[in-house]
N, C-alpha and C. Protein backbone atom coordinates (compact mmCIF):
# COMPACT_ATOMS: atom_id res chain seq x y z
N UNK A 1 0.71 -1.17 0.06
CA UNK A 1 0.28 -0.14 0.03
C UNK A 1 1.08 1.59 -0.28
N UNK A 2 0.44 1.95 -0.56
CA UNK A 2 1.40 3.27 -1.32
C UNK A 2 0.66 4.50 -0.82
N UNK A 3 0.86 5.12 0.34
CA UNK A 3 0.45 6.56 0.28
C UNK A 3 1.25 7.47 -0.38
N UNK A 4 0.29 8.53 -0.93
CA UNK A 4 0.78 9.69 -1.88
C UNK A 4 1.14 10.87 -0.51
N UNK A 5 2.31 11.44 -1.46
CA UNK A 5 3.46 12.16 -0.66
C UNK A 5 2.33 13.54 -0.30
N UNK A 6 2.39 14.43 0.71
CA UNK A 6 1.32 15.20 1.44
C UNK A 6 1.99 16.59 0.21
N UNK A 7 0.89 17.54 0.62
CA UNK A 7 1.16 18.95 -0.31
C UNK A 7 1.66 19.36 0.68
N UNK A 8 2.97 20.01 0.38
CA UNK A 8 3.71 20.49 1.58
C UNK A 8 3.45 21.98 1.56
N UNK A 9 3.21 22.54 2.72
CA UNK A 9 2.48 23.80 3.04
C UNK A 9 3.92 24.63 4.01
N UNK A 10 3.79 25.52 3.61
CA UNK A 10 4.12 27.05 4.78
C UNK A 10 3.42 26.95 5.98
N UNK A 11 4.23 27.30 6.96
CA UNK A 11 3.72 27.68 8.22
C UNK A 11 2.36 28.55 8.03
N UNK A 12 2.19 29.12 6.74
CA UNK A 12 0.93 30.20 7.34
C UNK A 12 0.03 29.28 6.38
N UNK A 13 -0.07 27.98 5.67
CA UNK A 13 -0.75 27.14 5.12
C UNK A 13 -0.70 27.04 3.90
N UNK A 14 -0.49 28.17 2.89
CA UNK A 14 -0.05 28.10 1.63
C UNK A 14 1.06 27.02 1.17
N UNK A 15 0.45 26.68 0.16
CA UNK A 15 1.46 25.61 -0.33
C UNK A 15 3.02 25.89 -1.00
N UNK A 16 3.70 24.92 -0.66
CA UNK A 16 4.96 25.50 -1.15
C UNK A 16 5.15 25.27 -2.77
N UNK A 17 5.44 26.33 -3.51
CA UNK A 17 5.22 26.20 -5.12
C UNK A 17 6.66 26.04 -5.85
N UNK A 18 7.65 26.08 -5.42
CA UNK A 18 8.86 25.85 -6.27
C UNK A 18 8.96 23.93 -6.45
N UNK A 19 9.30 23.76 -7.60
CA UNK A 19 9.33 22.85 -8.14
C UNK A 19 10.32 21.99 -7.51
N UNK A 20 11.76 22.47 -7.29
CA UNK A 20 12.65 22.07 -6.48
C UNK A 20 12.71 21.37 -5.25
N UNK A 21 11.75 22.33 -4.26
CA UNK A 21 11.66 21.89 -3.31
C UNK A 21 10.82 21.09 -2.80
N UNK A 22 9.91 21.15 -3.84
CA UNK A 22 9.03 19.95 -3.82
C UNK A 22 9.41 19.00 -3.93
N UNK A 23 10.23 18.36 -5.13
CA UNK A 23 11.10 17.56 -5.63
C UNK A 23 12.03 16.83 -4.47
N UNK A 24 12.48 17.67 -3.53
CA UNK A 24 13.60 17.04 -2.76
C UNK A 24 12.67 16.66 -1.51
N UNK A 25 11.55 17.70 -1.34
CA UNK A 25 10.79 16.63 0.02
C UNK A 25 10.09 15.52 -0.38
N UNK A 26 9.29 15.60 -1.58
CA UNK A 26 8.72 14.30 -1.99
C UNK A 26 9.89 12.86 -2.05
N UNK A 27 11.28 13.12 -2.41
CA UNK A 27 12.00 12.43 -2.43
C UNK A 27 12.18 12.03 -0.98
N UNK A 28 12.87 12.86 -0.14
CA UNK A 28 12.75 12.64 1.25
C UNK A 28 11.66 11.77 1.82
N UNK A 29 10.61 12.16 1.94
CA UNK A 29 9.76 11.49 2.15
C UNK A 29 9.39 10.02 1.83
N UNK A 30 9.62 10.03 0.51
CA UNK A 30 9.74 8.77 0.14
C UNK A 30 10.92 7.69 0.36
N UNK A 31 12.22 8.27 0.49
CA UNK A 31 13.43 7.39 1.21
C UNK A 31 12.93 7.14 2.57
N UNK A 32 12.24 8.31 3.20
CA UNK A 32 11.85 7.55 4.98
C UNK A 32 10.80 6.46 4.72
N UNK A 33 9.56 6.57 4.21
CA UNK A 33 8.65 5.70 4.28
C UNK A 33 9.55 4.59 3.97
N UNK A 34 10.24 4.22 3.03
CA UNK A 34 10.97 2.73 2.65
C UNK A 34 11.98 2.56 3.89
N UNK A 35 12.34 3.25 4.16
CA UNK A 35 13.33 2.90 5.74
C UNK A 35 12.58 2.84 6.89
N UNK A 36 11.30 3.21 6.99
CA UNK A 36 10.31 2.70 7.87
C UNK A 36 9.83 1.49 7.86
N UNK A 37 9.36 1.33 6.50
CA UNK A 37 8.89 0.47 6.10
C UNK A 37 9.84 -1.26 6.74
N UNK A 38 10.98 -0.84 6.04
CA UNK A 38 12.34 -1.94 6.19
C UNK A 38 12.20 -2.02 7.48
N UNK A 39 12.04 -0.89 8.55
CA UNK A 39 12.32 -1.43 9.90
C UNK A 39 11.17 -2.01 10.57
N UNK A 40 10.04 -1.38 10.21
CA UNK A 40 9.00 -2.68 10.90
C UNK A 40 8.98 -3.85 10.34
N UNK A 41 9.25 -4.17 9.14
CA UNK A 41 9.16 -5.59 8.47
C UNK A 41 10.30 -6.25 8.97
N UNK A 42 11.37 -5.84 9.40
CA UNK A 42 12.34 -6.50 9.90
C UNK A 42 11.91 -6.83 11.52
N UNK A 43 11.38 -5.86 12.28
CA UNK A 43 11.41 -6.04 13.58
C UNK A 43 10.26 -7.29 13.81
N UNK A 44 9.31 -7.14 13.03
CA UNK A 44 8.01 -7.88 13.09
C UNK A 44 8.73 -9.61 12.47
N UNK A 45 9.94 -9.30 11.84
CA UNK A 45 10.32 -10.74 11.47
C UNK A 45 11.29 -11.40 12.38
N UNK A 46 11.57 -10.55 13.19
CA UNK A 46 12.66 -10.78 14.34
C UNK A 46 11.91 -11.17 15.60
N UNK A 47 10.62 -11.07 15.28
CA UNK A 47 9.72 -11.58 16.67
C UNK A 47 9.29 -10.19 17.60
N UNK A 48 9.40 -9.03 17.31
CA UNK A 48 9.21 -7.91 17.87
C UNK A 48 7.69 -7.50 17.67
N UNK A 49 7.09 -7.03 18.62
CA UNK A 49 6.02 -6.61 18.55
C UNK A 49 5.75 -5.05 17.65
N UNK A 50 4.62 -5.39 16.81
CA UNK A 50 4.34 -4.26 15.62
C UNK A 50 4.24 -2.94 16.67
N UNK A 51 3.27 -3.19 17.18
CA UNK A 51 2.41 -2.30 18.00
C UNK A 51 3.46 -1.24 18.75
N UNK A 52 4.18 -2.06 19.53
CA UNK A 52 5.60 -1.51 20.59
C UNK A 52 6.68 -0.68 19.24
N UNK A 53 7.03 -1.03 18.35
CA UNK A 53 7.45 -0.67 16.89
C UNK A 53 7.11 0.74 16.40
N UNK A 54 5.80 0.80 16.82
CA UNK A 54 4.81 1.88 16.05
C UNK A 54 4.88 3.00 16.94
N UNK A 55 4.71 2.07 18.10
CA UNK A 55 4.99 3.23 19.12
C UNK A 55 6.41 3.96 19.40
N UNK A 56 7.37 3.30 19.35
CA UNK A 56 8.26 4.04 19.62
C UNK A 56 8.71 4.91 18.09
N UNK A 57 8.37 4.35 17.08
CA UNK A 57 8.46 5.14 15.94
C UNK A 57 7.91 6.32 16.33
N UNK A 58 6.25 6.43 16.68
CA UNK A 58 5.86 8.01 17.11
C UNK A 58 6.53 8.97 18.23
N UNK A 59 7.35 7.90 19.15
CA UNK A 59 7.76 8.79 20.26
C UNK A 59 9.43 9.35 19.45
N UNK A 60 9.81 8.95 18.61
CA UNK A 60 11.11 9.17 17.90
C UNK A 60 10.27 10.39 16.95
N UNK A 61 9.50 10.42 16.37
CA UNK A 61 9.13 11.48 15.81
C UNK A 61 8.50 12.59 16.60
N UNK A 62 7.77 12.45 17.85
CA UNK A 62 7.47 13.72 18.64
C UNK A 62 8.51 14.09 19.09
N UNK A 63 9.86 13.22 19.39
CA UNK A 63 10.91 13.86 19.96
C UNK A 63 11.90 14.24 19.13
N UNK A 64 11.80 14.88 18.18
CA UNK A 64 12.49 15.35 17.21
C UNK A 64 11.74 16.67 16.58
N UNK A 65 13.18 18.10 16.86
CA UNK A 65 12.72 19.14 16.46
C UNK A 65 13.51 19.49 15.48
N UNK A 66 13.22 20.84 14.65
CA UNK A 66 13.85 21.50 13.72
C UNK A 66 15.23 21.85 14.21
N UNK A 67 16.62 21.88 13.63
CA UNK A 67 17.48 22.92 14.10
C UNK A 67 17.61 24.45 13.40
N UNK A 68 16.55 24.66 12.78
CA UNK A 68 16.46 25.66 12.57
C UNK A 68 15.36 26.42 12.37
N UNK A 69 15.15 27.76 12.95
CA UNK A 69 13.61 28.40 13.35
C UNK A 69 12.80 28.48 12.01
N UNK A 70 11.50 28.06 12.56
CA UNK A 70 10.29 28.18 11.45
C UNK A 70 9.81 29.59 11.20
N UNK A 71 10.18 29.87 9.83
CA UNK A 71 9.64 30.90 9.03
C UNK A 71 8.00 31.60 9.20
N UNK A 72 7.63 32.15 9.97
CA UNK A 72 6.47 32.11 10.18
C UNK A 72 6.01 33.95 9.38
N UNK A 73 6.94 34.44 9.11
CA UNK A 73 6.46 35.90 8.61
C UNK A 73 6.37 35.95 7.20
N UNK A 74 6.28 34.71 6.31
CA UNK A 74 6.22 34.82 5.13
C UNK A 74 7.25 35.55 4.35
N UNK A 75 8.91 35.25 4.97
CA UNK A 75 9.49 35.86 4.11
C UNK A 75 10.32 34.65 3.00
N UNK A 76 9.99 33.78 3.59
CA UNK A 76 10.31 32.61 2.77
C UNK A 76 10.40 32.64 1.05
N UNK A 77 11.08 32.19 0.33
CA UNK A 77 10.83 32.69 -1.21
C UNK A 77 10.69 31.29 -1.71
N UNK A 78 9.69 31.45 -2.82
CA UNK A 78 9.76 29.62 -3.38
C UNK A 78 10.71 29.73 -4.73
N UNK A 79 11.51 30.52 -4.85
CA UNK A 79 12.05 30.54 -6.16
C UNK A 79 13.71 29.77 -5.54
C-alpha cells in the first residue's frame, strides 16, 4: 500500500510552489517511508511487537525538533 506524498505547506498554510523544493521533499519522504517500512518488517520478522515498534516510531518523531527556526513571517521565497 502506497500513500501519496502530502502537499507541502508553509507555516501560514499556503502550498510550497517551488518545483525543486517539492521534488526534494517528495524524495526525502519516499526514502523515509521505505526506511520505516524496512524497519517495521525487520522488527516483525525478528519477533518484535508491531505495536511497540509503531509506538517507538511515534515517540521518535515527536521527540525530533528542527535545527532551524520556522519562518512564520512569510519571507521565505519559493524561488
